[in-house]
C-alpha atoms as a PDB file:
ATOM      1  CA  MET A   1      13.143  24.274   0.841  1.00  0.00           C
ATOM      2  CA  PHE A   2      12.239  22.179   3.857  1.00  0.00           C
ATOM      3  CA  VAL A   3      10.623  24.172   6.651  1.00  0.00           C
ATOM      4  CA  ALA A   4      10.500  22.564  10.072  1.00  0.00           C
ATOM      5  CA  MET A   5       7.210  22.468  11.928  1.00  0.00           C
ATOM      6  CA  ALA A   6       6.797  23.880  15.411  1.00  0.00           C
ATOM      7  CA  ASP A   7       7.846  21.722  18.316  1.00  0.00           C
ATOM      8  CA  GLY A   8       5.201  19.490  19.813  1.00  0.00           C
ATOM      9  CA  PRO A   9       2.571  17.386  18.118  1.00  0.00           C
ATOM     10  CA  SER A  10      -0.183  19.169  16.244  1.00  0.00           C
ATOM     11  CA  PRO A  11      -3.756  17.971  16.919  1.00  0.00           C
ATOM     12  CA  SER A  12      -3.739  16.114  13.600  1.00  0.00           C
ATOM     13  CA  ILE A  13      -0.552  14.262  14.471  1.00  0.00           C
ATOM     14  CA  GLU A  14      -1.819  13.484  17.961  1.00  0.00           C
ATOM     15  CA  ALA A  15      -5.036  12.109  16.508  1.00  0.00           C
ATOM     16  CA  SER A  16      -3.095  10.113  13.933  1.00  0.00           C
ATOM     17  CA  ILE A  17      -0.901   8.365  16.475  1.00  0.00           C
ATOM     18  CA  LYS A  18      -3.986   7.327  18.452  1.00  0.00           C
ATOM     19  CA  ARG A  19      -5.572   5.544  15.487  1.00  0.00           C
ATOM     20  CA  GLU A  20      -6.497   1.946  16.146  1.00  0.00           C
ATOM     21  CA  ARG A  21      -7.157  -0.476  13.279  1.00  0.00           C
ATOM     22  CA  PRO A  22      -7.711  -3.897  14.882  1.00  0.00           C
ATOM     23  CA  SER A  23      -9.013  -5.407  11.648  1.00  0.00           C
ATOM     24  CA  ARG A  24      -6.210  -4.048   9.475  1.00  0.00           C
ATOM     25  CA  ARG A  25      -3.447  -6.621   9.125  1.00  0.00           C
ATOM     26  CA  VAL A  26      -0.804  -6.331   6.423  1.00  0.00           C
ATOM     27  CA  PHE A  27       1.312  -9.177   5.066  1.00  0.00           C
ATOM     28  CA  SER A  28       4.466  -7.664   3.569  1.00  0.00           C
ATOM     29  CA  ILE A  29       6.972  -9.614   1.453  1.00  0.00           C
ATOM     30  CA  GLN A  30      10.018  -7.483   0.615  1.00  0.00           C
ATOM     31  CA  SER A  31      13.747  -7.167   1.092  1.00  0.00           C
ATOM     32  CA  HIS A  32      15.332  -6.183   4.416  1.00  0.00           C
ATOM     33  CA  VAL A  33      18.476  -4.317   5.447  1.00  0.00           C
ATOM     34  CA  VAL A  34      20.028  -4.274   8.906  1.00  0.00           C
ATOM     35  CA  HIS A  35      21.356  -0.725   8.477  1.00  0.00           C
ATOM     36  CA  GLY A  36      19.323   1.992   6.828  1.00  0.00           C
ATOM     37  CA  TYR A  37      15.872   1.965   5.307  1.00  0.00           C
ATOM     38  CA  ALA A  38      14.888  -0.126   2.296  1.00  0.00           C
ATOM     39  CA  GLY A  39      12.321  -2.843   1.663  1.00  0.00           C
ATOM     40  CA  ASN A  40      10.508  -3.964   4.802  1.00  0.00           C
ATOM     41  CA  LYS A  41      12.759  -1.716   6.884  1.00  0.00           C
ATOM     42  CA  ALA A  42      11.201   1.233   5.042  1.00  0.00           C
ATOM     43  CA  ALA A  43       7.655  -0.143   4.958  1.00  0.00           C
ATOM     44  CA  VAL A  44       6.875  -1.788   8.298  1.00  0.00           C
ATOM     45  CA  PHE A  45       7.480   1.142  10.677  1.00  0.00           C
ATOM     46  CA  PRO A  46       5.354   3.639   8.694  1.00  0.00           C
ATOM     47  CA  LEU A  47       2.482   1.147   8.676  1.00  0.00           C
ATOM     48  CA  GLN A  48       2.827   0.316  12.361  1.00  0.00           C
ATOM     49  CA  ILE A  49       3.025   3.930  13.511  1.00  0.00           C
ATOM     50  CA  ASN A  50      -0.234   4.496  11.619  1.00  0.00           C
ATOM     51  CA  GLY A  51      -1.994   1.694  13.463  1.00  0.00           C
ATOM     52  CA  PHE A  52      -1.632  -1.236  11.064  1.00  0.00           C
ATOM     53  CA  HIS A  53      -0.556  -4.653  12.313  1.00  0.00           C
ATOM     54  CA  VAL A  54       2.187  -6.021  10.062  1.00  0.00           C
ATOM     55  CA  ASP A  55       3.508  -9.535   9.513  1.00  0.00           C
ATOM     56  CA  PHE A  56       6.529  -9.468   7.238  1.00  0.00           C
ATOM     57  CA  VAL A  57       8.750 -11.877   5.357  1.00  0.00           C
ATOM     58  CA  ASN A  58      12.197 -10.744   4.200  1.00  0.00           C
ATOM     59  CA  SER A  59      13.020 -11.891   0.661  1.00  0.00           C
ATOM     60  CA  VAL A  60      16.639 -10.989   1.413  1.00  0.00           C
ATOM     61  CA  HIS A  61      18.392 -10.181   4.685  1.00  0.00           C
ATOM     62  CA  PHE A  62      21.302  -7.876   3.858  1.00  0.00           C
ATOM     63  CA  SER A  63      23.721  -5.851   5.961  1.00  0.00           C
ATOM     64  CA  ASN A  64      22.837  -2.684   4.003  1.00  0.00           C
ATOM     65  CA  HIS A  65      21.430  -1.675   0.640  1.00  0.00           C
ATOM     66  CA  THR A  66      23.270  -2.410  -2.586  1.00  0.00           C
ATOM     67  CA  ALA A  67      24.610   1.112  -3.235  1.00  0.00           C
ATOM     68  CA  TYR A  68      27.280   0.544  -0.572  1.00  0.00           C
ATOM     69  CA  ALA A  69      30.684  -0.766  -1.612  1.00  0.00           C
ATOM     70  CA  ASN A  70      30.283  -3.935   0.457  1.00  0.00           C
ATOM     71  CA  LEU A  71      27.300  -6.189   0.940  1.00  0.00           C
ATOM     72  CA  ARG A  72      26.780  -9.296   3.050  1.00  0.00           C
ATOM     73  CA  GLY A  73      23.732 -11.357   3.826  1.00  0.00           C
ATOM     74  CA  GLU A  74      21.495 -14.094   2.532  1.00  0.00           C
ATOM     75  CA  ARG A  75      18.413 -14.703   0.412  1.00  0.00           C
ATOM     76  CA  LEU A  76      15.244 -16.589   1.257  1.00  0.00           C
ATOM     77  CA  ASP A  77      14.366 -19.264  -1.304  1.00  0.00           C
ATOM     78  CA  SER A  78      10.911 -20.257  -2.504  1.00  0.00           C
ATOM     79  CA  ASP A  79      10.750 -23.388  -0.338  1.00  0.00           C
ATOM     80  CA  GLN A  80      11.551 -21.364   2.781  1.00  0.00           C
ATOM     81  CA  LEU A  81       8.865 -18.841   1.877  1.00  0.00           C
ATOM     82  CA  GLY A  82       6.417 -21.686   1.356  1.00  0.00           C
ATOM     83  CA  ALA A  83       7.282 -23.186   4.735  1.00  0.00           C
ATOM     84  CA  ILE A  84       6.801 -19.865   6.522  1.00  0.00           C
ATOM     85  CA  TYR A  85       3.441 -19.312   4.875  1.00  0.00           C
ATOM     86  CA  GLU A  86       2.376 -22.881   5.627  1.00  0.00           C
ATOM     87  CA  GLY A  87       3.148 -22.327   9.299  1.00  0.00           C
ATOM     88  CA  LEU A  88       1.048 -19.174   9.340  1.00  0.00           C
ATOM     89  CA  SER A  89      -1.812 -20.962   7.566  1.00  0.00           C
ATOM     90  CA  LEU A  90      -1.799 -23.993   9.858  1.00  0.00           C
ATOM     91  CA  ASN A  91      -2.141 -21.680  12.841  1.00  0.00           C
ATOM     92  CA  GLY A  92      -4.997 -19.701  11.270  1.00  0.00           C
ATOM     93  CA  LEU A  93      -2.914 -16.541  11.024  1.00  0.00           C
ATOM     94  CA  THR A  94      -3.475 -15.636   7.378  1.00  0.00           C
ATOM     95  CA  THR A  95      -6.575 -13.473   7.783  1.00  0.00           C
ATOM     96  CA  TYR A  96      -5.018 -10.361   6.250  1.00  0.00           C
ATOM     97  CA  SER A  97      -6.735  -7.220   5.017  1.00  0.00           C
ATOM     98  CA  HIS A  98      -3.772  -6.130   2.895  1.00  0.00           C
ATOM     99  CA  LEU A  99      -0.872  -7.684   1.011  1.00  0.00           C
ATOM    100  CA  LEU A 100       2.209  -5.670   0.052  1.00  0.00           C
ATOM    101  CA  THR A 101       5.012  -7.018  -2.137  1.00  0.00           C
ATOM    102  CA  GLY A 102       8.216  -5.376  -3.297  1.00  0.00           C
ATOM    103  CA  TYR A 103      11.715  -6.543  -4.197  1.00  0.00           C
ATOM    104  CA  CYS A 104      12.026 -10.187  -5.176  1.00  0.00           C
ATOM    105  CA  GLY A 105      15.227 -11.291  -6.857  1.00  0.00           C
ATOM    106  CA  ASN A 106      14.350 -14.905  -7.691  1.00  0.00           C
ATOM    107  CA  PRO A 107      11.857 -16.229 -10.294  1.00  0.00           C
ATOM    108  CA  GLY A 108      10.871 -19.234  -8.177  1.00  0.00           C
ATOM    109  CA  PHE A 109      10.291 -16.996  -5.182  1.00  0.00           C
ATOM    110  CA  LEU A 110       8.049 -14.724  -7.266  1.00  0.00           C
ATOM    111  CA  GLN A 111       6.070 -17.720  -8.538  1.00  0.00           C
ATOM    112  CA  ARG A 112       5.517 -18.755  -4.935  1.00  0.00           C
ATOM    113  CA  ILE A 113       4.220 -15.277  -4.141  1.00  0.00           C
ATOM    114  CA  GLY A 114       1.642 -15.766  -6.890  1.00  0.00           C
ATOM    115  CA  GLY A 115       0.300 -18.813  -5.096  1.00  0.00           C
ATOM    116  CA  ILE A 116       0.188 -16.933  -1.798  1.00  0.00           C
ATOM    117  CA  VAL A 117      -1.769 -14.074  -3.376  1.00  0.00           C
ATOM    118  CA  LYS A 118      -4.367 -16.496  -4.750  1.00  0.00           C
ATOM    119  CA  ASP A 119      -4.710 -18.247  -1.403  1.00  0.00           C
ATOM    120  CA  LEU A 120      -5.098 -14.979   0.516  1.00  0.00           C
ATOM    121  CA  LYS A 121      -7.731 -13.737  -1.915  1.00  0.00           C
ATOM    122  CA  GLU A 122      -9.669 -16.979  -1.522  1.00  0.00           C
ATOM    123  CA  LYS A 123      -9.657 -16.439   2.239  1.00  0.00           C
ATOM    124  CA  ASN A 124     -10.637 -12.764   1.989  1.00  0.00           C
ATOM    125  CA  GLU A 125     -12.302 -11.536  -1.194  1.00  0.00           C
ATOM    126  CA  ASN A 126     -11.843  -7.958   0.032  1.00  0.00           C
ATOM    127  CA  LEU A 127      -8.064  -8.272   0.414  1.00  0.00           C
ATOM    128  CA  LEU A 128      -6.260  -5.266  -1.074  1.00  0.00           C
ATOM    129  CA  TYR A 129      -3.069  -6.278  -2.861  1.00  0.00           C
ATOM    130  CA  VAL A 130      -0.604  -3.425  -3.405  1.00  0.00           C
ATOM    131  CA  CYS A 131       2.198  -4.561  -5.711  1.00  0.00           C
ATOM    132  CA  ASP A 132       5.422  -2.667  -6.361  1.00  0.00           C
ATOM    133  CA  PRO A 133       6.747  -4.574  -9.402  1.00  0.00           C
ATOM    134  CA  VAL A 134      10.440  -4.041  -8.770  1.00  0.00           C
ATOM    135  CA  LEU A 135      12.423  -4.607 -11.976  1.00  0.00           C
ATOM    136  CA  GLY A 136      14.746  -1.637 -12.440  1.00  0.00           C
ATOM    137  CA  ASP A 137      14.879   2.051 -13.285  1.00  0.00           C
ATOM    138  CA  HIS A 138      16.457   4.560 -15.656  1.00  0.00           C
ATOM    139  CA  GLY A 139      16.422   2.045 -18.514  1.00  0.00           C
ATOM    140  CA  LYS A 140      18.243  -0.715 -16.630  1.00  0.00           C
ATOM    141  CA  TYR A 141      17.267  -3.893 -14.807  1.00  0.00           C
ATOM    142  CA  TYR A 142      18.599  -4.539 -11.326  1.00  0.00           C
ATOM    143  CA  THR A 143      16.637  -7.758 -10.930  1.00  0.00           C
ATOM    144  CA  PRO A 144      16.748 -10.852 -13.184  1.00  0.00           C
ATOM    145  CA  ARG A 145      14.924 -10.348 -16.492  1.00  0.00           C
ATOM    146  CA  GLU A 146      13.283 -13.727 -15.897  1.00  0.00           C
ATOM    147  CA  LEU A 147      10.984 -11.972 -13.443  1.00  0.00           C
ATOM    148  CA  LEU A 148       9.247 -10.005 -16.211  1.00  0.00           C
ATOM    149  CA  PRO A 149       7.056 -12.771 -17.695  1.00  0.00           C
ATOM    150  CA  ILE A 150       6.081 -13.927 -14.195  1.00  0.00           C
ATOM    151  CA  TYR A 151       4.989 -10.412 -13.286  1.00  0.00           C
ATOM    152  CA  LYS A 152       3.054 -10.045 -16.538  1.00  0.00           C
ATOM    153  CA  GLU A 153       1.368 -13.441 -16.519  1.00  0.00           C
ATOM    154  CA  VAL A 154       0.962 -14.234 -12.819  1.00  0.00           C
ATOM    155  CA  ILE A 155       1.440 -11.300 -10.441  1.00  0.00           C
ATOM    156  CA  VAL A 156       0.106  -8.174 -12.157  1.00  0.00           C
ATOM    157  CA  PRO A 157      -3.330  -9.654 -13.015  1.00  0.00           C
ATOM    158  CA  LEU A 158      -3.786 -10.361  -9.287  1.00  0.00           C
ATOM    159  CA  ALA A 159      -2.868  -6.834  -8.140  1.00  0.00           C
ATOM    160  CA  ASP A 160      -5.466  -4.314  -7.023  1.00  0.00           C
ATOM    161  CA  VAL A 161      -2.991  -1.424  -6.908  1.00  0.00           C
ATOM    162  CA  LEU A 162       0.221  -1.308  -8.956  1.00  0.00           C
ATOM    163  CA  THR A 163       3.045   1.200  -8.356  1.00  0.00           C
ATOM    164  CA  PRO A 164       5.580   0.918 -11.206  1.00  0.00           C
ATOM    165  CA  ASN A 165       8.061   3.557 -12.222  1.00  0.00           C
ATOM    166  CA  CYS A 166       8.028   4.529 -15.894  1.00  0.00           C
ATOM    167  CA  PHE A 167      10.693   1.985 -16.886  1.00  0.00           C
ATOM    168  CA  GLU A 168       8.825  -0.842 -15.172  1.00  0.00           C
ATOM    169  CA  LEU A 169       5.554   0.281 -16.760  1.00  0.00           C
ATOM    170  CA  GLY A 170       7.146   0.125 -20.203  1.00  0.00           C
ATOM    171  CA  GLU A 171       8.535  -3.342 -19.607  1.00  0.00           C
ATOM    172  CA  LEU A 172       5.261  -4.694 -18.210  1.00  0.00           C
ATOM    173  CA  SER A 173       3.166  -3.214 -21.010  1.00  0.00           C
ATOM    174  CA  GLY A 174       5.647  -4.007 -23.769  1.00  0.00           C
ATOM    175  CA  ARG A 175       5.510  -0.399 -24.941  1.00  0.00           C
ATOM    176  CA  LYS A 176       8.145   2.248 -25.547  1.00  0.00           C
ATOM    177  CA  ILE A 177       7.429   5.324 -23.451  1.00  0.00           C
ATOM    178  CA  GLU A 178       8.788   8.616 -24.754  1.00  0.00           C
ATOM    179  CA  ASN A 179       6.148  11.030 -23.479  1.00  0.00           C
ATOM    180  CA  GLU A 180       3.109  11.301 -21.255  1.00  0.00           C
ATOM    181  CA  ALA A 181       0.729  10.081 -23.957  1.00  0.00           C
ATOM    182  CA  ASP A 182       2.786   6.896 -24.318  1.00  0.00           C
ATOM    183  CA  CYS A 183       2.674   6.504 -20.562  1.00  0.00           C
ATOM    184  CA  LEU A 184      -1.117   6.748 -20.450  1.00  0.00           C
ATOM    185  CA  SER A 185      -1.423   4.246 -23.278  1.00  0.00           C
ATOM    186  CA  ALA A 186       0.776   1.828 -21.346  1.00  0.00           C
ATOM    187  CA  VAL A 187      -1.355   2.394 -18.246  1.00  0.00           C
ATOM    188  CA  ASP A 188      -4.441   1.391 -20.245  1.00  0.00           C
ATOM    189  CA  ALA A 189      -2.680  -1.827 -21.253  1.00  0.00           C
ATOM    190  CA  ILE A 190      -2.086  -2.646 -17.587  1.00  0.00           C
ATOM    191  CA  HIS A 191      -5.696  -1.816 -16.734  1.00  0.00           C
ATOM    192  CA  ASP A 192      -6.682  -4.368 -19.379  1.00  0.00           C
ATOM    193  CA  LEU A 193      -4.809  -7.022 -17.377  1.00  0.00           C
ATOM    194  CA  GLY A 194      -7.234  -6.435 -14.510  1.00  0.00           C
ATOM    195  CA  VAL A 195      -5.498  -3.835 -12.332  1.00  0.00           C
ATOM    196  CA  SER A 196      -8.022  -1.235 -11.213  1.00  0.00           C
ATOM    197  CA  ARG A 197      -5.655   1.383  -9.746  1.00  0.00           C
ATOM    198  CA  ILE A 198      -2.198   2.354 -11.030  1.00  0.00           C
ATOM    199  CA  VAL A 199       0.339   4.902  -9.830  1.00  0.00           C
ATOM    200  CA  VAL A 200       3.280   5.690 -12.106  1.00  0.00           C
ATOM    201  CA  THR A 201       5.630   6.934  -9.432  1.00  0.00           C
ATOM    202  CA  SER A 202       8.549   8.438 -11.380  1.00  0.00           C
ATOM    203  CA  GLY A 203      10.562   8.531 -14.579  1.00  0.00           C
ATOM    204  CA  ILE A 204       7.867  10.030 -16.834  1.00  0.00           C
ATOM    205  CA  PRO A 205       9.619  11.993 -19.619  1.00  0.00           C
ATOM    206  CA  SER A 206       9.149  15.772 -19.559  1.00  0.00           C
ATOM    207  CA  LYS A 207      10.932  18.924 -20.680  1.00  0.00           C
ATOM    208  CA  GLU A 208      11.521  19.905 -17.047  1.00  0.00           C
ATOM    209  CA  GLU A 209      12.702  16.499 -15.817  1.00  0.00           C
ATOM    210  CA  GLU A 210      15.973  17.946 -14.447  1.00  0.00           C
ATOM    211  CA  THR A 211      14.074  20.093 -11.949  1.00  0.00           C
ATOM    212  CA  GLN A 212      10.660  18.454 -11.652  1.00  0.00           C
ATOM    213  CA  LEU A 213       9.176  15.010 -11.225  1.00  0.00           C
ATOM    214  CA  ILE A 214       5.811  13.827 -12.501  1.00  0.00           C
ATOM    215  CA  ALA A 215       3.582  11.125 -11.092  1.00  0.00           C
ATOM    216  CA  LEU A 216       0.357   9.872 -12.649  1.00  0.00           C
ATOM    217  CA  THR A 217      -2.593   8.058 -11.141  1.00  0.00           C
ATOM    218  CA  SER A 218      -5.261   6.165 -13.027  1.00  0.00           C
ATOM    219  CA  THR A 219      -8.368   4.441 -11.715  1.00  0.00           C
ATOM    220  CA  ARG A 220     -10.359   2.189 -14.059  1.00  0.00           C
ATOM    221  CA  ASN A 221     -14.057   2.817 -13.477  1.00  0.00           C
ATOM    222  CA  LYS A 222     -16.814   0.233 -13.713  1.00  0.00           C
ATOM    223  CA  ASP A 223     -17.960   1.631 -17.075  1.00  0.00           C
ATOM    224  CA  GLY A 224     -14.496   1.087 -18.559  1.00  0.00           C
ATOM    225  CA  THR A 225     -13.425   4.723 -18.447  1.00  0.00           C
ATOM    226  CA  ALA A 226     -10.448   5.896 -16.410  1.00  0.00           C
ATOM    227  CA  THR A 227     -10.057   8.769 -13.944  1.00  0.00           C
ATOM    228  CA  ARG A 228      -6.532  10.164 -14.186  1.00  0.00           C
ATOM    229  CA  HIS A 229      -4.533  12.780 -12.324  1.00  0.00           C
ATOM    230  CA  ARG A 230      -1.072  14.313 -12.833  1.00  0.00           C
ATOM    231  CA  PHE A 231       1.177  15.424  -9.974  1.00  0.00           C
ATOM    232  CA  VAL A 232       4.139  17.757 -10.560  1.00  0.00           C
ATOM    233  CA  PHE A 233       6.588  18.397  -7.729  1.00  0.00           C
ATOM    234  CA  PRO A 234      10.203  19.569  -7.272  1.00  0.00           C
ATOM    235  CA  LYS A 235      13.060  17.146  -7.823  1.00  0.00           C
ATOM    236  CA  ARG A 236      15.454  17.025  -4.881  1.00  0.00           C
ATOM    237  CA  SER A 237      19.193  16.563  -5.339  1.00  0.00           C
ATOM    238  CA  GLY A 238      20.552  13.204  -4.211  1.00  0.00           C
ATOM    239  CA  ASN A 239      19.872   9.526  -4.781  1.00  0.00           C
ATOM    240  CA  PHE A 240      17.637   8.301  -1.968  1.00  0.00           C
ATOM    241  CA  VAL A 241      17.202   4.553  -1.535  1.00  0.00           C
ATOM    242  CA  GLY A 242      13.931   3.254  -0.099  1.00  0.00           C
ATOM    243  CA  THR A 243      11.585   5.959  -1.365  1.00  0.00           C
ATOM    244  CA  GLY A 244       9.572   3.495  -3.454  1.00  0.00           C
ATOM    245  CA  ASP A 245       9.138   1.172  -0.474  1.00  0.00           C
ATOM    246  CA  LEU A 246       8.018   4.071   1.705  1.00  0.00           C
ATOM    247  CA  PHE A 247       5.646   5.222  -1.039  1.00  0.00           C
ATOM    248  CA  ALA A 248       3.886   1.853  -1.274  1.00  0.00           C
ATOM    249  CA  SER A 249       3.460   1.510   2.491  1.00  0.00           C
ATOM    250  CA  LEU A 250       2.093   5.037   2.953  1.00  0.00           C
ATOM    251  CA  LEU A 251      -0.223   4.443   0.002  1.00  0.00           C
ATOM    252  CA  ILE A 252      -1.927   1.720   2.042  1.00  0.00           C
ATOM    253  CA  VAL A 253      -2.302   4.172   4.922  1.00  0.00           C
ATOM    254  CA  TRP A 254      -3.746   7.006   2.868  1.00  0.00           C
ATOM    255  CA  LEU A 255      -6.006   4.864   0.720  1.00  0.00           C
ATOM    256  CA  GLU A 256      -7.580   3.848   4.010  1.00  0.00           C
ATOM    257  CA  GLU A 257      -7.849   7.434   5.217  1.00  0.00           C
ATOM    258  CA  CYS A 258      -9.147   8.754   1.883  1.00  0.00           C
ATOM    259  CA  GLY A 259     -11.831   6.131   1.414  1.00  0.00           C
ATOM    260  CA  GLY A 260     -10.010   4.472  -1.464  1.00  0.00           C
ATOM    261  CA  ASN A 261      -9.643   7.671  -3.504  1.00  0.00           C
ATOM    262  CA  LEU A 262      -6.331   7.163  -5.300  1.00  0.00           C
ATOM    263  CA  ALA A 263      -5.565  10.760  -6.251  1.00  0.00           C
ATOM    264  CA  GLU A 264      -6.308  12.101  -2.772  1.00  0.00           C
ATOM    265  CA  ALA A 265      -4.118   9.412  -1.226  1.00  0.00           C
ATOM    266  CA  VAL A 266      -1.178   9.958  -3.584  1.00  0.00           C
ATOM    267  CA  GLY A 267      -1.155  13.728  -2.959  1.00  0.00           C
ATOM    268  CA  ARG A 268      -0.583  13.003   0.723  1.00  0.00           C
ATOM    269  CA  VAL A 269       1.966  10.267   0.086  1.00  0.00           C
ATOM    270  CA  ILE A 270       4.095  12.504  -2.131  1.00  0.00           C
ATOM    271  CA  GLY A 271       3.854  15.273   0.449  1.00  0.00           C
ATOM    272  CA  ALA A 272       5.129  12.932   3.145  1.00  0.00           C
ATOM    273  CA  LEU A 273       7.990  11.723   0.933  1.00  0.00           C
ATOM    274  CA  GLN A 274       9.039  15.294   0.215  1.00  0.00           C
ATOM    275  CA  ASP A 275       8.995  15.983   3.940  1.00  0.00           C
ATOM    276  CA  VAL A 276      11.147  12.959   4.802  1.00  0.00           C
ATOM    277  CA  ILE A 277      13.610  13.752   2.014  1.00  0.00           C
ATOM    278  CA  GLY A 278      13.735  17.351   3.230  1.00  0.00           C
ATOM    279  CA  VAL A 279      14.575  16.205   6.746  1.00  0.00           C
ATOM    280  CA  THR A 280      17.216  13.843   5.319  1.00  0.00           C
ATOM    281  CA  ILE A 281      18.896  16.662   3.391  1.00  0.00           C
ATOM    282  CA  GLU A 282      18.860  18.967   6.417  1.00  0.00           C
ATOM    283  CA  VAL A 283      20.357  16.335   8.727  1.00  0.00           C
ATOM    284  CA  ALA A 284      22.938  15.256   6.146  1.00  0.00           C
ATOM    285  CA  LYS A 285      24.396  18.767   5.976  1.00  0.00           C
ATOM    286  CA  ASP A 286      26.070  18.173   9.323  1.00  0.00           C
ATOM    287  CA  TYR A 287      27.561  14.824   8.390  1.00  0.00           C
ATOM    288  CA  ALA A 288      29.785  13.353   5.722  1.00  0.00           C
ATOM    289  CA  PRO A 289      28.891  12.449   3.018  1.00  0.00           C
ATOM    290  CA  PRO A 290      27.005  15.519   1.731  1.00  0.00           C
ATOM    291  CA  PRO A 291      23.425  15.274   0.390  1.00  0.00           C
ATOM    292  CA  SER A 292      24.647  14.995  -3.213  1.00  0.00           C
ATOM    293  CA  CYS A 293      26.399  11.701  -2.404  1.00  0.00           C
ATOM    294  CA  LYS A 294      24.810   8.386  -3.370  1.00  0.00           C
ATOM    295  CA  LEU A 295      24.412   7.208   0.197  1.00  0.00           C
ATOM    296  CA  PRO A 296      22.279   9.505   2.347  1.00  0.00           C
ATOM    297  CA  GLU A 297      20.028   7.193   4.339  1.00  0.00           C
ATOM    298  CA  LEU A 298      16.459   8.393   4.735  1.00  0.00           C
ATOM    299  CA  ARG A 299      15.870   9.857   8.188  1.00  0.00           C
ATOM    300  CA  PHE A 300      12.721   8.064   9.301  1.00  0.00           C
ATOM    301  CA  ILE A 301      13.173   8.812  13.001  1.00  0.00           C
ATOM    302  CA  GLU A 302      13.789  12.537  12.636  1.00  0.00           C
ATOM    303  CA  GLY A 303      10.951  12.735  10.119  1.00  0.00           C
ATOM    304  CA  ARG A 304       8.516  10.400  11.853  1.00  0.00           C
ATOM    305  CA  ARG A 305       5.882  13.106  12.339  1.00  0.00           C
ATOM    306  CA  TYR A 306       5.492  13.225   8.561  1.00  0.00           C
ATOM    307  CA  LEU A 307       4.855   9.500   8.419  1.00  0.00           C
ATOM    308  CA  LEU A 308       1.714  10.347  10.379  1.00  0.00           C
ATOM    309  CA  GLN A 309       0.752  13.622   8.700  1.00  0.00           C
ATOM    310  CA  PRO A 310       2.519  15.338   5.799  1.00  0.00           C
ATOM    311  CA  SER A 311       3.115  19.063   6.170  1.00  0.00           C
ATOM    312  CA  HIS A 312       1.383  19.596   2.829  1.00  0.00           C
ATOM    313  CA  VAL A 313      -0.641  17.798   0.193  1.00  0.00           C
ATOM    314  CA  VAL A 314       0.762  17.864  -3.339  1.00  0.00           C
ATOM    315  CA  PRO A 315      -2.024  19.052  -5.632  1.00  0.00           C
ATOM    316  CA  SER A 316      -2.993  17.274  -8.826  1.00  0.00           C
ATOM    317  CA  VAL A 317      -4.549  18.162 -12.161  1.00  0.00           C
ATOM    318  CA  LYS A 318      -7.317  15.950 -13.487  1.00  0.00           C
ATOM    319  CA  LEU A 319      -6.598  14.765 -17.000  1.00  0.00           C
ATOM    320  CA  ASP A 320      -9.201  14.409 -19.746  1.00  0.00           C
END
């Protein structure tokens, strides 16, 4: 159950909101919705409130997310993305510390992102690229299947941190995942493509999957071994859009705060997500539709304190 914190900022929250990161600039390429929170709308504010400067490009500009009955808007094509990036480059504005990519619904657009990643890494060898390889979930694609080979051959090998769900991990690794052991084997296959840190965010099969969710982290060490952790946390009722986008953005924040330690960062990210979902459920009780409906929008404003500091850290178990 969600328990509200006392009124007024705690010292940790006050300290968090005063953070200044003048050298931390994020370039985010994701979708955008006018109403609600998904894509850049779910990623930019959490980064900014934590002191990161963010330049963002919207792969799509939609009225709302796709779970609504009606949808209007437009998509950015690869030439438009190229023109925007060229303008930034010509003005010397592409000195980024981080790159974040999410939803991309067009193969040509994704190919263009590959070129941008290479250019940014040439300009800053320490650039941290966090890639959410958005393909689908629950056994189904909601992006074109033509994206898969581009992710496998172009994008994933360039990523420093990858945040797939279990379905996306299976597609990227070419492996069928029926249990945790299969999942870890698939993670190793992605490590072999050059990705040093991987977070499997959801969808891992378990006997308690109706009531619990599992996340896994894996860091490939210099000696070729991997450090892995498992997180188990309660599953909340409802279908909440934008949680993956929020996860990836807060992962950048907490990797910074935790000195790059993936497991420590993810424990805090999951805690913050649980807090925001808890606030969303509490607020939704007073409005139609109820929390069990498909369309409760995440309550970023009411839960903004947790974007700075989660109320709790989800513990992990180190795996052999």
